[in-house]
């Protein structure tokens, strides 16, 4: 073997090692981004990034977008403030009587006061 053949083998080994390193970095990138941004589904994003290796990186953009999407934290619906003018601002809902009438403002003998609703 000549010096040129040895140099060619070294260059080929370097190219193969660089290609493998590039695939590993690109496959792990969505997971790294998700963990850095404290994504609630960071583990699933990481798995999606590695699954794209099997799919030939077809779904890699989806995993990368998912890593950057901010998912709002879940809040309790009862503690959420309602917008101005929303019916929830009016207070508690009126209680219904037996006949579907408002028991606090209508009597069962008077049907005209609650006929509008």
PDB file of N, CA and C in Angstrom:
ATOM      1  N   UNK A   1       0.838  -1.182   0.000  1.00  0.00           N
ATOM      2  CA  UNK A   1       0.000   0.000   0.000  1.00  0.00           C
ATOM      3  C   UNK A   1       0.882   1.244   0.000  1.00  0.00           C
ATOM      4  N   UNK A   2       0.453   2.136  -0.785  1.00  0.00           N
ATOM      5  CA  UNK A   2       1.221   3.373  -0.886  1.00  0.00           C
ATOM      6  C   UNK A   2       0.719   4.388   0.142  1.00  0.00           C
ATOM      7  N   UNK A   3       1.398   5.467   0.257  1.00  0.00           N
ATOM      8  CA  UNK A   3       1.036   6.539   1.176  1.00  0.00           C
ATOM      9  C   UNK A   3      -0.303   7.146   0.777  1.00  0.00           C
ATOM     10  N   UNK A   4      -0.564   7.202  -0.501  1.00  0.00           N
ATOM     11  CA  UNK A   4      -1.834   7.744  -0.996  1.00  0.00           C
ATOM     12  C   UNK A   4      -2.997   6.867  -0.545  1.00  0.00           C
ATOM     13  N   UNK A   5      -2.870   5.536  -0.576  1.00  0.00           N
ATOM     14  CA  UNK A   5      -3.935   4.625  -0.144  1.00  0.00           C
ATOM     15  C   UNK A   5      -4.208   4.771   1.357  1.00  0.00           C
ATOM     16  N   UNK A   6      -3.166   4.906   2.141  1.00  0.00           N
ATOM     17  CA  UNK A   6      -3.340   5.068   3.588  1.00  0.00           C
ATOM     18  C   UNK A   6      -4.050   6.392   3.884  1.00  0.00           C
ATOM     19  N   UNK A   7      -3.656   7.449   3.188  1.00  0.00           N
ATOM     20  CA  UNK A   7      -4.307   8.752   3.355  1.00  0.00           C
ATOM     21  C   UNK A   7      -5.780   8.676   2.956  1.00  0.00           C
ATOM     22  N   UNK A   8      -6.095   7.956   1.874  1.00  0.00           N
ATOM     23  CA  UNK A   8      -7.485   7.808   1.422  1.00  0.00           C
ATOM     24  C   UNK A   8      -8.317   7.046   2.447  1.00  0.00           C
ATOM     25  N   UNK A   9      -7.771   6.016   3.079  1.00  0.00           N
ATOM     26  CA  UNK A   9      -8.488   5.250   4.107  1.00  0.00           C
ATOM     27  C   UNK A   9      -8.743   6.124   5.333  1.00  0.00           C
ATOM     28  N   UNK A  10      -7.771   6.933   5.711  1.00  0.00           N
ATOM     29  CA  UNK A  10      -7.946   7.833   6.859  1.00  0.00           C
ATOM     30  C   UNK A  10      -9.037   8.865   6.571  1.00  0.00           C
ATOM     31  N   UNK A  11      -9.026   9.427   5.385  1.00  0.00           N
ATOM     32  CA  UNK A  11     -10.051  10.403   5.004  1.00  0.00           C
ATOM     33  C   UNK A  11     -11.424   9.744   4.956  1.00  0.00           C
ATOM     34  N   UNK A  12     -11.496   8.532   4.423  1.00  0.00           N
ATOM     35  CA  UNK A  12     -12.779   7.809   4.366  1.00  0.00           C
ATOM     36  C   UNK A  12     -13.297   7.517   5.771  1.00  0.00           C
ATOM     37  N   UNK A  13     -12.422   7.118   6.669  1.00  0.00           N
ATOM     38  CA  UNK A  13     -12.825   6.878   8.064  1.00  0.00           C
ATOM     39  C   UNK A  13     -13.320   8.144   8.733  1.00  0.00           C
ATOM     40  N   UNK A  14     -12.653   9.260   8.444  1.00  0.00           N
ATOM     41  CA  UNK A  14     -13.084  10.541   9.006  1.00  0.00           C
ATOM     42  C   UNK A  14     -14.452  10.953   8.472  1.00  0.00           C
ATOM     43  N   UNK A  15     -14.698  10.725   7.186  1.00  0.00           N
ATOM     44  CA  UNK A  15     -15.985  11.074   6.578  1.00  0.00           C
ATOM     45  C   UNK A  15     -17.105  10.204   7.162  1.00  0.00           C
ATOM     46  N   UNK A  16     -16.856   8.921   7.339  1.00  0.00           N
ATOM     47  CA  UNK A  16     -17.868   8.015   7.906  1.00  0.00           C
ATOM     48  C   UNK A  16     -18.160   8.403   9.359  1.00  0.00           C
ATOM     49  N   UNK A  17     -17.101   8.674  10.135  1.00  0.00           N
ATOM     50  CA  UNK A  17     -17.300   9.063  11.533  1.00  0.00           C
ATOM     51  C   UNK A  17     -18.053  10.392  11.632  1.00  0.00           C
ATOM     52  N   UNK A  18     -17.759  11.321  10.743  1.00  0.00           N
ATOM     53  CA  UNK A  18     -18.474  12.607  10.740  1.00  0.00           C
ATOM     54  C   UNK A  18     -19.940  12.425  10.375  1.00  0.00           C
ATOM     55  N   UNK A  19     -20.216  11.546   9.435  1.00  0.00           N
ATOM     56  CA  UNK A  19     -21.599  11.266   9.047  1.00  0.00           C
ATOM     57  C   UNK A  19     -22.391  10.650  10.181  1.00  0.00           C
ATOM     58  N   UNK A  20     -21.788   9.693  10.893  1.00  0.00           N
ATOM     59  CA  UNK A  20     -22.464   9.069  12.033  1.00  0.00           C
ATOM     60  C   UNK A  20     -22.698  10.103  13.130  1.00  0.00           C
ATOM     61  N   UNK A  21     -21.704  10.934  13.404  1.00  0.00           N
ATOM     62  CA  UNK A  21     -21.866  11.973  14.428  1.00  0.00           C
ATOM     63  C   UNK A  21     -22.964  12.967  14.047  1.00  0.00           C
ATOM     64  N   UNK A  22     -23.043  13.314  12.780  1.00  0.00           N
ATOM     65  CA  UNK A  22     -24.078  14.234  12.317  1.00  0.00           C
ATOM     66  C   UNK A  22     -25.473  13.637  12.496  1.00  0.00           C
ATOM     67  N   UNK A  23     -25.632  12.359  12.165  1.00  0.00           N
ATOM     68  CA  UNK A  23     -26.928  11.689  12.332  1.00  0.00           C
ATOM     69  C   UNK A  23     -27.313  11.646  13.804  1.00  0.00           C
ATOM     70  N   UNK A  24     -26.355  11.363  14.677  1.00  0.00           N
ATOM     71  CA  UNK A  24     -26.644  11.307  16.113  1.00  0.00           C
ATOM     72  C   UNK A  24     -27.038  12.688  16.644  1.00  0.00           C
ATOM     73  N   UNK A  25     -26.328  13.715  16.247  1.00  0.00           N
ATOM     74  CA  UNK A  25     -26.633  15.067  16.731  1.00  0.00           C
ATOM     75  C   UNK A  25     -27.998  15.523  16.221  1.00  0.00           C
ATOM     76  N   UNK A  26     -28.267  15.284  14.947  1.00  0.00           N
ATOM     77  CA  UNK A  26     -29.558  15.706  14.384  1.00  0.00           C
ATOM     78  C   UNK A  26     -30.701  14.896  14.996  1.00  0.00           C
ATOM     79  N   UNK A  27     -30.494  13.612  15.273  1.00  0.00           N
ATOM     80  CA  UNK A  27     -31.535  12.803  15.902  1.00  0.00           C
ATOM     81  C   UNK A  27     -31.815  13.219  17.336  1.00  0.00           C
ATOM     82  N   UNK A  28     -30.795  13.687  18.045  1.00  0.00           N
ATOM     83  CA  UNK A  28     -30.966  14.081  19.441  1.00  0.00           C
ATOM     84  C   UNK A  28     -31.379  15.536  19.607  1.00  0.00           C
ATOM     85  N   UNK A  29     -31.279  16.334  18.579  1.00  0.00           N
ATOM     86  CA  UNK A  29     -31.539  17.774  18.684  1.00  0.00           C
ATOM     87  C   UNK A  29     -32.947  18.124  19.185  1.00  0.00           C
ATOM     88  N   UNK A  30     -34.026  17.505  18.685  1.00  0.00           N
ATOM     89  CA  UNK A  30     -35.351  17.862  19.231  1.00  0.00           C
ATOM     90  C   UNK A  30     -35.462  17.584  20.731  1.00  0.00           C
ATOM     91  N   UNK A  31     -34.885  16.496  21.189  1.00  0.00           N
ATOM     92  CA  UNK A  31     -34.921  16.193  22.620  1.00  0.00           C
ATOM     93  C   UNK A  31     -34.136  17.185  23.443  1.00  0.00           C
ATOM     94  N   UNK A  32     -32.969  17.599  22.951  1.00  0.00           N
ATOM     95  CA  UNK A  32     -32.172  18.592  23.663  1.00  0.00           C
ATOM     96  C   UNK A  32     -32.914  19.918  23.755  1.00  0.00           C
ATOM     97  N   UNK A  33     -33.543  20.331  22.673  1.00  0.00           N
ATOM     98  CA  UNK A  33     -34.301  21.593  22.680  1.00  0.00           C
ATOM     99  C   UNK A  33     -35.473  21.501  23.653  1.00  0.00           C
ATOM    100  N   UNK A  34     -36.174  20.371  23.633  1.00  0.00           N
ATOM    101  CA  UNK A  34     -37.336  20.209  24.521  1.00  0.00           C
ATOM    102  C   UNK A  34     -36.917  20.216  25.991  1.00  0.00           C
ATOM    103  N   UNK A  35     -35.827  19.552  26.319  1.00  0.00           N
ATOM    104  CA  UNK A  35     -35.359  19.558  27.705  1.00  0.00           C
ATOM    105  C   UNK A  35     -34.891  20.948  28.129  1.00  0.00           C
ATOM    106  N   UNK A  36     -34.218  21.649  27.245  1.00  0.00           N
ATOM    107  CA  UNK A  36     -33.736  22.988  27.566  1.00  0.00           C
ATOM    108  C   UNK A  36     -34.894  23.953  27.799  1.00  0.00           C
ATOM    109  N   UNK A  37     -35.973  23.809  27.001  1.00  0.00           N
ATOM    110  CA  UNK A  37     -37.123  24.693  27.130  1.00  0.00           C
ATOM    111  C   UNK A  37     -38.116  24.201  28.183  1.00  0.00           C
ATOM    112  N   UNK A  38     -37.793  23.101  28.870  1.00  0.00           N
ATOM    113  CA  UNK A  38     -38.651  22.501  29.910  1.00  0.00           C
ATOM    114  C   UNK A  38     -40.039  22.162  29.372  1.00  0.00           C
ATOM    115  N   UNK A  39     -40.038  21.518  28.234  1.00  0.00           N
ATOM    116  CA  UNK A  39     -41.285  21.096  27.596  1.00  0.00           C
ATOM    117  C   UNK A  39     -41.926  20.003  28.451  1.00  0.00           C
ATOM    118  N   UNK A  40     -43.260  20.051  28.657  1.00  0.00           N
ATOM    119  CA  UNK A  40     -43.900  19.031  29.489  1.00  0.00           C
ATOM    120  C   UNK A  40     -43.813  17.624  28.891  1.00  0.00           C
ATOM    121  N   UNK A  41     -43.658  17.498  27.596  1.00  0.00           N
ATOM    122  CA  UNK A  41     -43.543  16.195  26.956  1.00  0.00           C
ATOM    123  C   UNK A  41     -42.148  16.014  26.369  1.00  0.00           C
ATOM    124  N   UNK A  42     -41.125  16.429  27.104  1.00  0.00           N
ATOM    125  CA  UNK A  42     -39.751  16.381  26.601  1.00  0.00           C
ATOM    126  C   UNK A  42     -39.314  14.954  26.298  1.00  0.00           C
ATOM    127  N   UNK A  43     -39.729  14.008  27.108  1.00  0.00           N
ATOM    128  CA  UNK A  43     -39.345  12.615  26.866  1.00  0.00           C
ATOM    129  C   UNK A  43     -39.949  12.104  25.559  1.00  0.00           C
ATOM    130  N   UNK A  44     -41.192  12.449  25.289  1.00  0.00           N
ATOM    131  CA  UNK A  44     -41.838  12.022  24.045  1.00  0.00           C
ATOM    132  C   UNK A  44     -41.197  12.704  22.833  1.00  0.00           C
ATOM    133  N   UNK A  45     -40.789  13.953  22.979  1.00  0.00           N
ATOM    134  CA  UNK A  45     -40.112  14.647  21.884  1.00  0.00           C
ATOM    135  C   UNK A  45     -38.765  13.988  21.607  1.00  0.00           C
ATOM    136  N   UNK A  46     -38.075  13.579  22.666  1.00  0.00           N
ATOM    137  CA  UNK A  46     -36.798  12.886  22.505  1.00  0.00           C
ATOM    138  C   UNK A  46     -36.979  11.588  21.742  1.00  0.00           C
ATOM    139  N   UNK A  47     -37.985  10.825  22.110  1.00  0.00           N
ATOM    140  CA  UNK A  47     -38.261   9.559  21.415  1.00  0.00           C
ATOM    141  C   UNK A  47     -38.640   9.819  19.968  1.00  0.00           C
ATOM    142  N   UNK A  48     -39.433  10.855  19.730  1.00  0.00           N
ATOM    143  CA  UNK A  48     -39.815  11.185  18.354  1.00  0.00           C
ATOM    144  C   UNK A  48     -38.599  11.561  17.528  1.00  0.00           C
ATOM    145  N   UNK A  49     -37.642  12.245  18.132  1.00  0.00           N
ATOM    146  CA  UNK A  49     -36.424  12.590  17.422  1.00  0.00           C
ATOM    147  C   UNK A  49     -35.626  11.361  17.018  1.00  0.00           C
ATOM    148  N   UNK A  50     -35.573  10.346  17.886  1.00  0.00           N
ATOM    149  CA  UNK A  50     -34.831   9.122  17.555  1.00  0.00           C
ATOM    150  C   UNK A  50     -35.608   8.229  16.606  1.00  0.00           C
ATOM    151  N   UNK A  51     -36.932   8.249  16.678  1.00  0.00           N
ATOM    152  CA  UNK A  51     -37.735   7.440  15.752  1.00  0.00           C
ATOM    153  C   UNK A  51     -37.571   7.932  14.321  1.00  0.00           C
ATOM    154  N   UNK A  52     -37.272   9.206  14.164  1.00  0.00           N
ATOM    155  CA  UNK A  52     -37.075   9.727  12.810  1.00  0.00           C
ATOM    156  C   UNK A  52     -35.865   9.100  12.131  1.00  0.00           C
ATOM    157  N   UNK A  53     -34.951   8.541  12.908  1.00  0.00           N
ATOM    158  CA  UNK A  53     -33.828   7.823  12.292  1.00  0.00           C
ATOM    159  C   UNK A  53     -34.325   6.629  11.482  1.00  0.00           C
ATOM    160  N   UNK A  54     -35.348   5.960  12.000  1.00  0.00           N
ATOM    161  CA  UNK A  54     -35.922   4.806  11.300  1.00  0.00           C
ATOM    162  C   UNK A  54     -36.674   5.267  10.058  1.00  0.00           C
ATOM    163  N   UNK A  55     -37.336   6.397  10.152  1.00  0.00           N
ATOM    164  CA  UNK A  55     -38.152   6.906   9.045  1.00  0.00           C
ATOM    165  C   UNK A  55     -37.342   7.696   8.027  1.00  0.00           C
ATOM    166  N   UNK A  56     -36.052   7.765   8.184  1.00  0.00           N
ATOM    167  CA  UNK A  56     -35.239   8.508   7.240  1.00  0.00           C
ATOM    168  C   UNK A  56     -35.374  10.006   7.380  1.00  0.00           C
ATOM    169  N   UNK A  57     -35.601  10.482   8.581  1.00  0.00           N
ATOM    170  CA  UNK A  57     -35.731  11.906   8.903  1.00  0.00           C
ATOM    171  C   UNK A  57     -36.931  12.570   8.227  1.00  0.00           C
ATOM    172  N   UNK A  58     -37.921  11.780   7.820  1.00  0.00           N
ATOM    173  CA  UNK A  58     -39.111  12.365   7.190  1.00  0.00           C
ATOM    174  C   UNK A  58     -39.913  13.166   8.221  1.00  0.00           C
ATOM    175  N   UNK A  59     -40.044  12.641   9.427  1.00  0.00           N
ATOM    176  CA  UNK A  59     -40.840  13.308  10.453  1.00  0.00           C
ATOM    177  C   UNK A  59     -40.006  14.187  11.378  1.00  0.00           C
ATOM    178  N   UNK A  60     -38.732  14.384  11.077  1.00  0.00           N
ATOM    179  CA  UNK A  60     -37.869  15.184  11.931  1.00  0.00           C
ATOM    180  C   UNK A  60     -38.357  16.622  12.082  1.00  0.00           C
ATOM    181  N   UNK A  61     -38.822  17.289  11.023  1.00  0.00           N
ATOM    182  CA  UNK A  61     -39.345  18.654  11.219  1.00  0.00           C
ATOM    183  C   UNK A  61     -40.530  18.703  12.182  1.00  0.00           C
ATOM    184  N   UNK A  62     -41.363  17.665  12.182  1.00  0.00           N
ATOM    185  CA  UNK A  62     -42.504  17.630  13.113  1.00  0.00           C
ATOM    186  C   UNK A  62     -41.999  17.554  14.552  1.00  0.00           C
ATOM    187  N   UNK A  63     -41.001  16.706  14.797  1.00  0.00           N
ATOM    188  CA  UNK A  63     -40.437  16.598  16.142  1.00  0.00           C
ATOM    189  C   UNK A  63     -39.773  17.896  16.566  1.00  0.00           C
ATOM    190  N   UNK A  64     -39.116  18.567  15.646  1.00  0.00           N
ATOM    191  CA  UNK A  64     -38.444  19.829  15.974  1.00  0.00           C
ATOM    192  C   UNK A  64     -39.458  20.927  16.274  1.00  0.00           C
ATOM    193  N   UNK A  65     -40.533  20.994  15.499  1.00  0.00           N
ATOM    194  CA  UNK A  65     -41.594  21.980  15.769  1.00  0.00           C
ATOM    195  C   UNK A  65     -42.243  21.691  17.113  1.00  0.00           C
ATOM    196  N   UNK A  66     -42.478  20.403  17.409  1.00  0.00           N
ATOM    197  CA  UNK A  66     -43.086  20.013  18.675  1.00  0.00           C
ATOM    198  C   UNK A  66     -42.187  20.420  19.843  1.00  0.00           C
ATOM    199  N   UNK A  67     -40.887  20.371  19.666  1.00  0.00           N
ATOM    200  CA  UNK A  67     -39.961  20.770  20.730  1.00  0.00           C
ATOM    201  C   UNK A  67     -40.066  22.255  21.024  1.00  0.00           C
ATOM    202  N   UNK A  68     -40.387  23.052  20.025  1.00  0.00           N
ATOM    203  CA  UNK A  68     -40.480  24.507  20.214  1.00  0.00           C
ATOM    204  C   UNK A  68     -41.868  24.994  20.599  1.00  0.00           C
ATOM    205  N   UNK A  69     -42.890  24.171  20.480  1.00  0.00           N
ATOM    206  CA  UNK A  69     -44.257  24.591  20.801  1.00  0.00           C
ATOM    207  C   UNK A  69     -44.403  24.688  22.313  1.00  0.00           C
ATOM    208  N   UNK A  70     -44.860  25.836  22.773  1.00  0.00           N
ATOM    209  CA  UNK A  70     -45.116  26.018  24.196  1.00  0.00           C
ATOM    210  C   UNK A  70     -46.531  25.581  24.503  1.00  0.00           C
ATOM    211  N   UNK A  71     -46.651  24.620  25.387  1.00  0.00           N
ATOM    212  CA  UNK A  71     -47.956  24.143  25.806  1.00  0.00           C
ATOM    213  C   UNK A  71     -48.283  24.839  27.121  1.00  0.00           C
ATOM    214  N   UNK A  72     -49.412  25.543  27.188  1.00  0.00           N
ATOM    215  CA  UNK A  72     -49.725  26.253  28.429  1.00  0.00           C
ATOM    216  C   UNK A  72     -49.967  25.273  29.567  1.00  0.00           C
ATOM    217  N   UNK A  73     -49.636  25.703  30.754  1.00  0.00           N
ATOM    218  CA  UNK A  73     -49.846  24.869  31.930  1.00  0.00           C
ATOM    219  C   UNK A  73     -51.331  24.708  32.185  1.00  0.00           C
ATOM    220  N   UNK A  74     -51.712  23.545  32.680  1.00  0.00           N
ATOM    221  CA  UNK A  74     -53.123  23.307  32.982  1.00  0.00           C
ATOM    222  C   UNK A  74     -53.516  24.115  34.199  1.00  0.00           C
ATOM    223  N   UNK A  75     -54.682  24.723  34.121  1.00  0.00           N
ATOM    224  CA  UNK A  75     -55.196  25.490  35.242  1.00  0.00           C
ATOM    225  C   UNK A  75     -56.553  24.936  35.629  1.00  0.00           C
ATOM    226  N   UNK A  76     -56.901  25.150  36.870  1.00  0.00           N
ATOM    227  CA  UNK A  76     -58.207  24.740  37.349  1.00  0.00           C
ATOM    228  C   UNK A  76     -59.243  25.693  36.769  1.00  0.00           C
ATOM    229  N   UNK A  77     -60.298  25.158  36.186  1.00  0.00           N
ATOM    230  CA  UNK A  77     -61.301  25.996  35.540  1.00  0.00           C
ATOM    231  C   UNK A  77     -62.030  26.898  36.526  1.00  0.00           C
ATOM    232  N   UNK A  78     -62.152  26.474  37.775  1.00  0.00           N
ATOM    233  CA  UNK A  78     -62.875  27.300  38.737  1.00  0.00           C
ATOM    234  C   UNK A  78     -62.059  28.514  39.164  1.00  0.00           C
ATOM    235  N   UNK A  79     -60.713  28.449  39.051  1.00  0.00           N
ATOM    236  CA  UNK A  79     -59.900  29.577  39.471  1.00  0.00           C
ATOM    237  C   UNK A  79     -59.556  30.511  38.325  1.00  0.00           C
ATOM    238  N   UNK A  80     -59.908  30.150  37.105  1.00  0.00           N
ATOM    239  CA  UNK A  80     -59.589  30.994  35.953  1.00  0.00           C
ATOM    240  C   UNK A  80     -60.511  32.210  35.926  1.00  0.00           C
ATOM    241  N   UNK A  81     -59.958  33.371  35.707  1.00  0.00           N
ATOM    242  CA  UNK A  81     -60.753  34.598  35.616  1.00  0.00           C
ATOM    243  C   UNK A  81     -61.483  34.612  34.285  1.00  0.00           C
ATOM    244  N   UNK A  82     -62.742  34.975  34.313  1.00  0.00           N
ATOM    245  CA  UNK A  82     -63.512  35.026  33.075  1.00  0.00           C
ATOM    246  C   UNK A  82     -63.462  36.432  32.502  1.00  0.00           C
ATOM    247  N   UNK A  83     -63.572  36.541  31.180  1.00  0.00           N
ATOM    248  CA  UNK A  83     -63.518  37.857  30.547  1.00  0.00           C
ATOM    249  C   UNK A  83     -64.693  38.730  30.949  1.00  0.00           C
ATOM    250  N   UNK A  84     -64.530  40.030  30.806  1.00  0.00           N
ATOM    251  CA  UNK A  84     -65.575  40.980  31.182  1.00  0.00           C
ATOM    252  C   UNK A  84     -66.823  40.739  30.351  1.00  0.00           C
ATOM    253  N   UNK A  85     -67.951  40.793  30.996  1.00  0.00           N
ATOM    254  CA  UNK A  85     -69.212  40.603  30.302  1.00  0.00           C
ATOM    255  C   UNK A  85     -69.609  39.147  30.159  1.00  0.00           C
ATOM    256  N   UNK A  86     -68.825  38.248  30.656  1.00  0.00           N
ATOM    257  CA  UNK A  86     -69.133  36.824  30.569  1.00  0.00           C
ATOM    258  C   UNK A  86     -70.183  36.499  31.620  1.00  0.00           C
ATOM    259  N   UNK A  87     -71.094  35.578  31.356  1.00  0.00           N
ATOM    260  CA  UNK A  87     -72.143  35.260  32.328  1.00  0.00           C
ATOM    261  C   UNK A  87     -71.605  34.810  33.676  1.00  0.00           C
ATOM    262  N   UNK A  88     -70.378  34.322  33.727  1.00  0.00           N
ATOM    263  CA  UNK A  88     -69.833  33.885  35.005  1.00  0.00           C
ATOM    264  C   UNK A  88     -69.577  35.070  35.939  1.00  0.00           C
ATOM    265  N   UNK A  89     -69.497  36.303  35.383  1.00  0.00           N
ATOM    266  CA  UNK A  89     -69.282  37.488  36.202  1.00  0.00           C
ATOM    267  C   UNK A  89     -70.532  37.883  36.969  1.00  0.00           C
ATOM    268  N   UNK A  90     -71.680  37.386  36.572  1.00  0.00           N
ATOM    269  CA  UNK A  90     -72.939  37.796  37.174  1.00  0.00           C
ATOM    270  C   UNK A  90     -73.180  37.139  38.532  1.00  0.00           C
ATOM    271  N   UNK A  91     -72.368  36.205  38.923  1.00  0.00           N
ATOM    272  CA  UNK A  91     -72.549  35.522  40.194  1.00  0.00           C
ATOM    273  C   UNK A  91     -73.074  34.119  39.966  1.00  0.00           C
ATOM    274  N   UNK A  92     -73.526  33.493  41.037  1.00  0.00           N
ATOM    275  CA  UNK A  92     -74.004  32.116  40.901  1.00  0.00           C
ATOM    276  C   UNK A  92     -75.297  32.044  40.089  1.00  0.00           C
ATOM    277  N   UNK A  93     -75.486  30.935  39.442  1.00  0.00           N
ATOM    278  CA  UNK A  93     -76.689  30.741  38.633  1.00  0.00           C
ATOM    279  C   UNK A  93     -77.903  30.609  39.539  1.00  0.00           C
ATOM    280  N   UNK A  94     -79.068  31.083  39.084  1.00  0.00           N
ATOM    281  CA  UNK A  94     -80.272  30.970  39.914  1.00  0.00           C
ATOM    282  C   UNK A  94     -80.679  29.514  40.065  1.00  0.00           C
ATOM    283  N   UNK A  95     -81.239  29.198  41.200  1.00  0.00           N
ATOM    284  CA  UNK A  95     -81.694  27.835  41.464  1.00  0.00           C
ATOM    285  C   UNK A  95     -83.047  27.616  40.799  1.00  0.00           C
ATOM    286  N   UNK A  96     -83.248  26.449  40.256  1.00  0.00           N
ATOM    287  CA  UNK A  96     -84.503  26.127  39.583  1.00  0.00           C
ATOM    288  C   UNK A  96     -85.423  25.375  40.532  1.00  0.00           C
ATOM    289  N   UNK A  97     -86.701  25.710  40.452  1.00  0.00           N
ATOM    290  CA  UNK A  97     -87.693  25.016  41.254  1.00  0.00           C
ATOM    291  C   UNK A  97     -88.119  23.720  40.580  1.00  0.00           C
ATOM    292  N   UNK A  98     -89.187  23.125  41.070  1.00  0.00           N
ATOM    293  CA  UNK A  98     -89.645  21.841  40.538  1.00  0.00           C
ATOM    294  C   UNK A  98     -90.131  21.949  39.098  1.00  0.00           C
ATOM    295  N   UNK A  99     -90.783  23.026  38.752  1.00  0.00           N
ATOM    296  CA  UNK A  99     -91.358  23.172  37.416  1.00  0.00           C
ATOM    297  C   UNK A  99     -90.403  23.884  36.471  1.00  0.00           C
ATOM    298  N   UNK A 100     -89.131  24.020  36.821  1.00  0.00           N
ATOM    299  CA  UNK A 100     -88.178  24.687  35.959  1.00  0.00           C
ATOM    300  C   UNK A 100     -88.207  26.188  36.115  1.00  0.00           C
ATOM    301  N   UNK A 101     -88.871  26.681  37.159  1.00  0.00           N
ATOM    302  CA  UNK A 101     -88.951  28.115  37.386  1.00  0.00           C
ATOM    303  C   UNK A 101     -87.929  28.513  38.425  1.00  0.00           C
ATOM    304  N   UNK A 102     -87.639  29.798  38.467  1.00  0.00           N
ATOM    305  CA  UNK A 102     -86.707  30.299  39.470  1.00  0.00           C
ATOM    306  C   UNK A 102     -87.414  30.282  40.816  1.00  0.00           C
ATOM    307  N   UNK A 103     -86.898  29.502  41.731  1.00  0.00           N
ATOM    308  CA  UNK A 103     -87.579  29.343  43.008  1.00  0.00           C
ATOM    309  C   UNK A 103     -87.436  30.573  43.895  1.00  0.00           C
ATOM    310  N   UNK A 104     -86.384  31.376  43.705  1.00  0.00           N
ATOM    311  CA  UNK A 104     -86.196  32.534  44.577  1.00  0.00           C
ATOM    312  C   UNK A 104     -87.054  33.720  44.151  1.00  0.00           C
ATOM    313  N   UNK A 105     -87.406  33.861  42.873  1.00  0.00           N
ATOM    314  CA  UNK A 105     -88.130  35.041  42.434  1.00  0.00           C
ATOM    315  C   UNK A 105     -89.537  34.736  41.934  1.00  0.00           C
ATOM    316  N   UNK A 106     -89.894  33.500  41.677  1.00  0.00           N
ATOM    317  CA  UNK A 106     -91.207  33.168  41.140  1.00  0.00           C
ATOM    318  C   UNK A 106     -91.928  32.216  42.077  1.00  0.00           C
ATOM    319  N   UNK A 107     -93.183  32.388  42.145  1.00  0.00           N
ATOM    320  CA  UNK A 107     -93.978  31.426  42.898  1.00  0.00           C
ATOM    321  C   UNK A 107     -94.600  30.452  41.906  1.00  0.00           C
ATOM    322  N   UNK A 108     -94.995  29.302  42.379  1.00  0.00           N
ATOM    323  CA  UNK A 108     -95.561  28.299  41.483  1.00  0.00           C
ATOM    324  C   UNK A 108     -96.933  28.698  40.983  1.00  0.00           C
ATOM    325  N   UNK A 109     -97.627  29.584  41.695  1.00  0.00           N
ATOM    326  CA  UNK A 109     -98.955  29.988  41.250  1.00  0.00           C
ATOM    327  C   UNK A 109     -98.891  31.067  40.168  1.00  0.00           C
ATOM    328  N   UNK A 110     -97.801  31.836  40.108  1.00  0.00           N
ATOM    329  CA  UNK A 110     -97.676  32.897  39.131  1.00  0.00           C
ATOM    330  C   UNK A 110     -96.772  32.421  38.015  1.00  0.00           C
ATOM    331  N   UNK A 111     -97.343  32.179  36.835  1.00  0.00           N
ATOM    332  CA  UNK A 111     -96.533  31.705  35.732  1.00  0.00           C
ATOM    333  C   UNK A 111     -96.082  32.832  34.815  1.00  0.00           C
ATOM    334  N   UNK A 112     -96.638  34.041  34.991  1.00  0.00           N
ATOM    335  CA  UNK A 112     -96.300  35.135  34.092  1.00  0.00           C
ATOM    336  C   UNK A 112     -94.922  35.723  34.375  1.00  0.00           C
ATOM    337  N   UNK A 113     -94.429  35.626  35.596  1.00  0.00           N
ATOM    338  CA  UNK A 113     -93.145  36.265  35.892  1.00  0.00           C
ATOM    339  C   UNK A 113     -91.973  35.500  35.267  1.00  0.00           C
ATOM    340  N   UNK A 114     -92.120  34.240  35.020  1.00  0.00           N
ATOM    341  CA  UNK A 114     -91.018  33.446  34.461  1.00  0.00           C
ATOM    342  C   UNK A 114     -91.312  32.961  33.056  1.00  0.00           C
ATOM    343  N   UNK A 115     -92.304  33.495  32.420  1.00  0.00           N
ATOM    344  CA  UNK A 115     -92.652  33.023  31.074  1.00  0.00           C
ATOM    345  C   UNK A 115     -91.686  33.541  30.014  1.00  0.00           C
ATOM    346  N   UNK A 116     -90.862  34.530  30.365  1.00  0.00           N
ATOM    347  CA  UNK A 116     -89.964  35.097  29.361  1.00  0.00           C
ATOM    348  C   UNK A 116     -88.761  34.213  29.081  1.00  0.00           C
ATOM    349  N   UNK A 117     -88.433  33.283  29.944  1.00  0.00           N
ATOM    350  CA  UNK A 117     -87.279  32.444  29.668  1.00  0.00           C
ATOM    351  C   UNK A 117     -87.709  31.065  29.515  1.00  0.00           C
TER     352      UNK A 117
END
